PDB file of N, CA and C in Angstrom:
ATOM      1  N   MET A   1      62.689 119.367 115.868  1.00  0.00           N
ATOM      2  CA  MET A   1      63.891 118.594 115.637  1.00  0.00           C
ATOM      3  C   MET A   1      63.551 117.390 114.744  1.00  0.00           C
ATOM      4  N   TRP A   2      64.380 117.169 113.727  1.00  0.00           N
ATOM      5  CA  TRP A   2      64.200 116.055 112.806  1.00  0.00           C
ATOM      6  C   TRP A   2      65.203 114.951 113.134  1.00  0.00           C
ATOM      7  N   VAL A   3      64.745 113.740 113.060  1.00  0.00           N
ATOM      8  CA  VAL A   3      65.616 112.586 113.224  1.00  0.00           C
ATOM      9  C   VAL A   3      65.644 111.845 111.899  1.00  0.00           C
ATOM     10  N   ARG A   4      66.813 111.649 111.350  1.00  0.00           N
ATOM     11  CA  ARG A   4      66.936 110.922 110.091  1.00  0.00           C
ATOM     12  C   ARG A   4      66.990 109.428 110.391  1.00  0.00           C
ATOM     13  N   VAL A   5      66.141 108.679 109.749  1.00  0.00           N
ATOM     14  CA  VAL A   5      66.112 107.233 109.962  1.00  0.00           C
ATOM     15  C   VAL A   5      66.317 106.515 108.635  1.00  0.00           C
ATOM     16  N   SER A   6      66.860 105.319 108.731  1.00  0.00           N
ATOM     17  CA  SER A   6      67.149 104.507 107.556  1.00  0.00           C
ATOM     18  C   SER A   6      66.566 103.121 107.727  1.00  0.00           C
ATOM     19  N   ILE A   7      66.479 102.400 106.619  1.00  0.00           N
ATOM     20  CA  ILE A   7      66.044 101.006 106.618  1.00  0.00           C
ATOM     21  C   ILE A   7      67.239 100.149 106.239  1.00  0.00           C
ATOM     22  N   VAL A   8      67.429  99.036 106.946  1.00  0.00           N
ATOM     23  CA  VAL A   8      68.439  98.052 106.572  1.00  0.00           C
ATOM     24  C   VAL A   8      67.702  96.786 106.164  1.00  0.00           C
ATOM     25  N   ASP A   9      67.870  96.385 104.922  1.00  0.00           N
ATOM     26  CA  ASP A   9      67.221  95.188 104.402  1.00  0.00           C
ATOM     27  C   ASP A   9      68.167  94.001 104.587  1.00  0.00           C
ATOM     28  N   GLU A  10      67.933  93.254 105.653  1.00  0.00           N
ATOM     29  CA  GLU A  10      68.713  92.050 105.935  1.00  0.00           C
ATOM     30  C   GLU A  10      67.716  90.911 106.099  1.00  0.00           C
ATOM     31  N   ARG A  11      67.538  90.174 105.052  1.00  0.00           N
ATOM     32  CA  ARG A  11      66.512  89.137 105.069  1.00  0.00           C
ATOM     33  C   ARG A  11      67.135  87.758 104.952  1.00  0.00           C
ATOM     34  N   VAL A  12      66.452  86.792 105.522  1.00  0.00           N
ATOM     35  CA  VAL A  12      66.874  85.402 105.422  1.00  0.00           C
ATOM     36  C   VAL A  12      66.131  84.788 104.247  1.00  0.00           C
ATOM     37  N   VAL A  13      66.872  84.118 103.373  1.00  0.00           N
ATOM     38  CA  VAL A  13      66.297  83.505 102.183  1.00  0.00           C
ATOM     39  C   VAL A  13      66.189  82.008 102.414  1.00  0.00           C
ATOM     40  N   SER A  14      64.985  81.481 102.224  1.00  0.00           N
ATOM     41  CA  SER A  14      64.800  80.041 102.384  1.00  0.00           C
ATOM     42  C   SER A  14      65.221  79.317 101.109  1.00  0.00           C
ATOM     43  N   GLU A  15      65.419  78.028 101.215  1.00  0.00           N
ATOM     44  CA  GLU A  15      65.835  77.238 100.057  1.00  0.00           C
ATOM     45  C   GLU A  15      64.761  77.213  98.974  1.00  0.00           C
ATOM     46  N   LYS A  16      63.498  77.348  99.366  1.00  0.00           N
ATOM     47  CA  LYS A  16      62.382  77.266  98.422  1.00  0.00           C
ATOM     48  C   LYS A  16      62.073  78.598  97.743  1.00  0.00           C
ATOM     49  N   GLU A  17      62.621  79.678  98.248  1.00  0.00           N
ATOM     50  CA  GLU A  17      62.303  81.008  97.726  1.00  0.00           C
ATOM     51  C   GLU A  17      63.048  81.294  96.429  1.00  0.00           C
ATOM     52  N   LYS A  18      62.367  81.881  95.487  1.00  0.00           N
ATOM     53  CA  LYS A  18      62.996  82.264  94.226  1.00  0.00           C
ATOM     54  C   LYS A  18      63.668  83.624  94.375  1.00  0.00           C
ATOM     55  N   GLY A  19      64.744  83.837  93.630  1.00  0.00           N
ATOM     56  CA  GLY A  19      65.483  85.098  93.697  1.00  0.00           C
ATOM     57  C   GLY A  19      64.641  86.296  93.316  1.00  0.00           C
ATOM     58  N   GLU A  20      63.748  86.116  92.335  1.00  0.00           N
ATOM     59  CA  GLU A  20      62.907  87.231  91.901  1.00  0.00           C
ATOM     60  C   GLU A  20      62.029  87.737  93.033  1.00  0.00           C
ATOM     61  N   ARG A  21      61.554  86.837  93.849  1.00  0.00           N
ATOM     62  CA  ARG A  21      60.681  87.215  94.971  1.00  0.00           C
ATOM     63  C   ARG A  21      61.434  88.096  95.959  1.00  0.00           C
ATOM     64  N   GLY A  22      62.672  87.744  96.243  1.00  0.00           N
ATOM     65  CA  GLY A  22      63.480  88.542  97.168  1.00  0.00           C
ATOM     66  C   GLY A  22      63.734  89.943  96.646  1.00  0.00           C
ATOM     67  N   ILE A  23      64.006  90.053  95.350  1.00  0.00           N
ATOM     68  CA  ILE A  23      64.228  91.367  94.755  1.00  0.00           C
ATOM     69  C   ILE A  23      62.956  92.189  94.798  1.00  0.00           C
ATOM     70  N   GLU A  24      61.829  91.577  94.473  1.00  0.00           N
ATOM     71  CA  GLU A  24      60.543  92.290  94.525  1.00  0.00           C
ATOM     72  C   GLU A  24      60.249  92.782  95.935  1.00  0.00           C
ATOM     73  N   ASP A  25      60.515  91.942  96.932  1.00  0.00           N
ATOM     74  CA  ASP A  25      60.277  92.343  98.328  1.00  0.00           C
ATOM     75  C   ASP A  25      61.177  93.503  98.730  1.00  0.00           C
ATOM     76  N   SER A  26      62.436  93.472  98.304  1.00  0.00           N
ATOM     77  CA  SER A  26      63.363  94.564  98.633  1.00  0.00           C
ATOM     78  C   SER A  26      62.932  95.871  97.985  1.00  0.00           C
ATOM     79  N   VAL A  27      62.510  95.794  96.727  1.00  0.00           N
ATOM     80  CA  VAL A  27      62.034  97.002  96.034  1.00  0.00           C
ATOM     81  C   VAL A  27      60.796  97.552  96.727  1.00  0.00           C
ATOM     82  N   ARG A  28      59.873  96.681  97.086  1.00  0.00           N
ATOM     83  CA  ARG A  28      58.650  97.105  97.772  1.00  0.00           C
ATOM     84  C   ARG A  28      58.975  97.769  99.112  1.00  0.00           C
ATOM     85  N   LEU A  29      59.922  97.197  99.850  1.00  0.00           N
ATOM     86  CA  LEU A  29      60.331  97.773 101.132  1.00  0.00           C
ATOM     87  C   LEU A  29      60.947  99.152 100.934  1.00  0.00           C
ATOM     88  N   GLY A  30      61.814  99.288  99.940  1.00  0.00           N
ATOM     89  CA  GLY A  30      62.445 100.586  99.658  1.00  0.00           C
ATOM     90  C   GLY A  30      61.442 101.637  99.246  1.00  0.00           C
ATOM     91  N   GLU A  31      60.498 101.264  98.398  1.00  0.00           N
ATOM     92  CA  GLU A  31      59.470 102.214  97.964  1.00  0.00           C
ATOM     93  C   GLU A  31      58.583 102.642  99.122  1.00  0.00           C
ATOM     94  N   GLY A  32      58.243 101.692  99.992  1.00  0.00           N
ATOM     95  CA  GLY A  32      57.437 102.028 101.161  1.00  0.00           C
ATOM     96  C   GLY A  32      58.169 102.979 102.098  1.00  0.00           C
ATOM     97  N   GLY A  33      59.459 102.743 102.292  1.00  0.00           N
ATOM     98  CA  GLY A  33      60.254 103.636 103.128  1.00  0.00           C
ATOM     99  C   GLY A  33      60.345 105.028 102.533  1.00  0.00           C
ATOM    100  N   ASP A  34      60.460 105.102 101.218  1.00  0.00           N
ATOM    101  CA  ASP A  34      60.517 106.396 100.538  1.00  0.00           C
ATOM    102  C   ASP A  34      59.212 107.172 100.732  1.00  0.00           C
ATOM    103  N   GLU A  35      58.104 106.469 100.668  1.00  0.00           N
ATOM    104  CA  GLU A  35      56.799 107.115 100.828  1.00  0.00           C
ATOM    105  C   GLU A  35      56.619 107.751 102.202  1.00  0.00           C
ATOM    106  N   VAL A  36      57.175 107.123 103.227  1.00  0.00           N
ATOM    107  CA  VAL A  36      56.983 107.651 104.585  1.00  0.00           C
ATOM    108  C   VAL A  36      58.153 108.506 105.061  1.00  0.00           C
ATOM    109  N   GLY A  37      59.155 108.712 104.201  1.00  0.00           N
ATOM    110  CA  GLY A  37      60.194 109.681 104.517  1.00  0.00           C
ATOM    111  C   GLY A  37      61.486 109.152 105.093  1.00  0.00           C
ATOM    112  N   TYR A  38      61.757 107.860 104.943  1.00  0.00           N
ATOM    113  CA  TYR A  38      63.038 107.354 105.411  1.00  0.00           C
ATOM    114  C   TYR A  38      64.165 107.983 104.605  1.00  0.00           C
ATOM    115  N   GLU A  39      65.287 108.235 105.244  1.00  0.00           N
ATOM    116  CA  GLU A  39      66.418 108.933 104.631  1.00  0.00           C
ATOM    117  C   GLU A  39      67.191 108.049 103.654  1.00  0.00           C
ATOM    118  N   ARG A  40      67.481 106.815 104.079  1.00  0.00           N
ATOM    119  CA  ARG A  40      68.284 105.915 103.254  1.00  0.00           C
ATOM    120  C   ARG A  40      67.746 104.499 103.319  1.00  0.00           C
ATOM    121  N   PHE A  41      68.113 103.722 102.300  1.00  0.00           N
ATOM    122  CA  PHE A  41      67.761 102.307 102.232  1.00  0.00           C
ATOM    123  C   PHE A  41      69.057 101.530 102.009  1.00  0.00           C
ATOM    124  N   TRP A  42      69.422 100.724 102.991  1.00  0.00           N
ATOM    125  CA  TRP A  42      70.661  99.953 102.925  1.00  0.00           C
ATOM    126  C   TRP A  42      70.330  98.495 102.629  1.00  0.00           C
ATOM    127  N   VAL A  43      71.146  97.867 101.801  1.00  0.00           N
ATOM    128  CA  VAL A  43      70.979  96.449 101.491  1.00  0.00           C
ATOM    129  C   VAL A  43      72.163  95.700 102.078  1.00  0.00           C
ATOM    130  N   CYS A  44      71.863  94.719 102.909  1.00  0.00           N
ATOM    131  CA  CYS A  44      72.897  93.947 103.576  1.00  0.00           C
ATOM    132  C   CYS A  44      73.428  92.854 102.636  1.00  0.00           C
ATOM    133  N   GLU A  45      74.721  92.619 102.726  1.00  0.00           N
ATOM    134  CA  GLU A  45      75.347  91.566 101.936  1.00  0.00           C
ATOM    135  C   GLU A  45      76.283  90.784 102.846  1.00  0.00           C
ATOM    136  N   ASP A  46      76.212  89.481 102.759  1.00  0.00           N
ATOM    137  CA  ASP A  46      77.127  88.637 103.524  1.00  0.00           C
ATOM    138  C   ASP A  46      77.631  87.545 102.589  1.00  0.00           C
ATOM    139  N   GLU A  47      78.838  87.688 102.120  1.00  0.00           N
ATOM    140  CA  GLU A  47      79.395  86.738 101.151  1.00  0.00           C
ATOM    141  C   GLU A  47      79.638  85.359 101.742  1.00  0.00           C
ATOM    142  N   ASN A  48      79.720  85.275 103.050  1.00  0.00           N
ATOM    143  CA  ASN A  48      80.004  83.989 103.692  1.00  0.00           C
ATOM    144  C   ASN A  48      78.751  83.289 104.213  1.00  0.00           C
ATOM    145  N   ASN A  49      77.590  83.893 103.976  1.00  0.00           N
ATOM    146  CA  ASN A  49      76.348  83.303 104.461  1.00  0.00           C
ATOM    147  C   ASN A  49      75.324  83.365 103.339  1.00  0.00           C
ATOM    148  N   CYS A  50      75.055  82.226 102.717  1.00  0.00           N
ATOM    149  CA  CYS A  50      74.155  82.222 101.560  1.00  0.00           C
ATOM    150  C   CYS A  50      72.694  82.382 101.961  1.00  0.00           C
ATOM    151  N   GLU A  51      72.375  82.368 103.261  1.00  0.00           N
ATOM    152  CA  GLU A  51      70.990  82.517 103.700  1.00  0.00           C
ATOM    153  C   GLU A  51      70.578  83.979 103.846  1.00  0.00           C
ATOM    154  N   VAL A  52      71.529  84.902 103.803  1.00  0.00           N
ATOM    155  CA  VAL A  52      71.224  86.326 103.914  1.00  0.00           C
ATOM    156  C   VAL A  52      71.175  86.905 102.516  1.00  0.00           C
ATOM    157  N   GLY A  53      70.054  87.504 102.186  1.00  0.00           N
ATOM    158  CA  GLY A  53      69.927  88.096 100.850  1.00  0.00           C
ATOM    159  C   GLY A  53      69.178  89.388 100.932  1.00  0.00           C
ATOM    160  N   GLY A  54      69.805  90.436 100.627  1.00  0.00           N
ATOM    161  CA  GLY A  54      69.152  91.726 100.630  1.00  0.00           C
ATOM    162  C   GLY A  54      69.297  92.367  99.294  1.00  0.00           C
TER     163      GLY A  54
END
């Protein structure tokens, strides 16, 4: 029996963090999930909370 699993990228962004770093981390997470067989990669978005960046 196979279980399909996904990754949800919901990260907290600090005031000191650059946007490029967050994108690089998300890409790295997605690529790592792909390597081990995750089914999907979801990116979280919250328009009302500027501290969440996926």
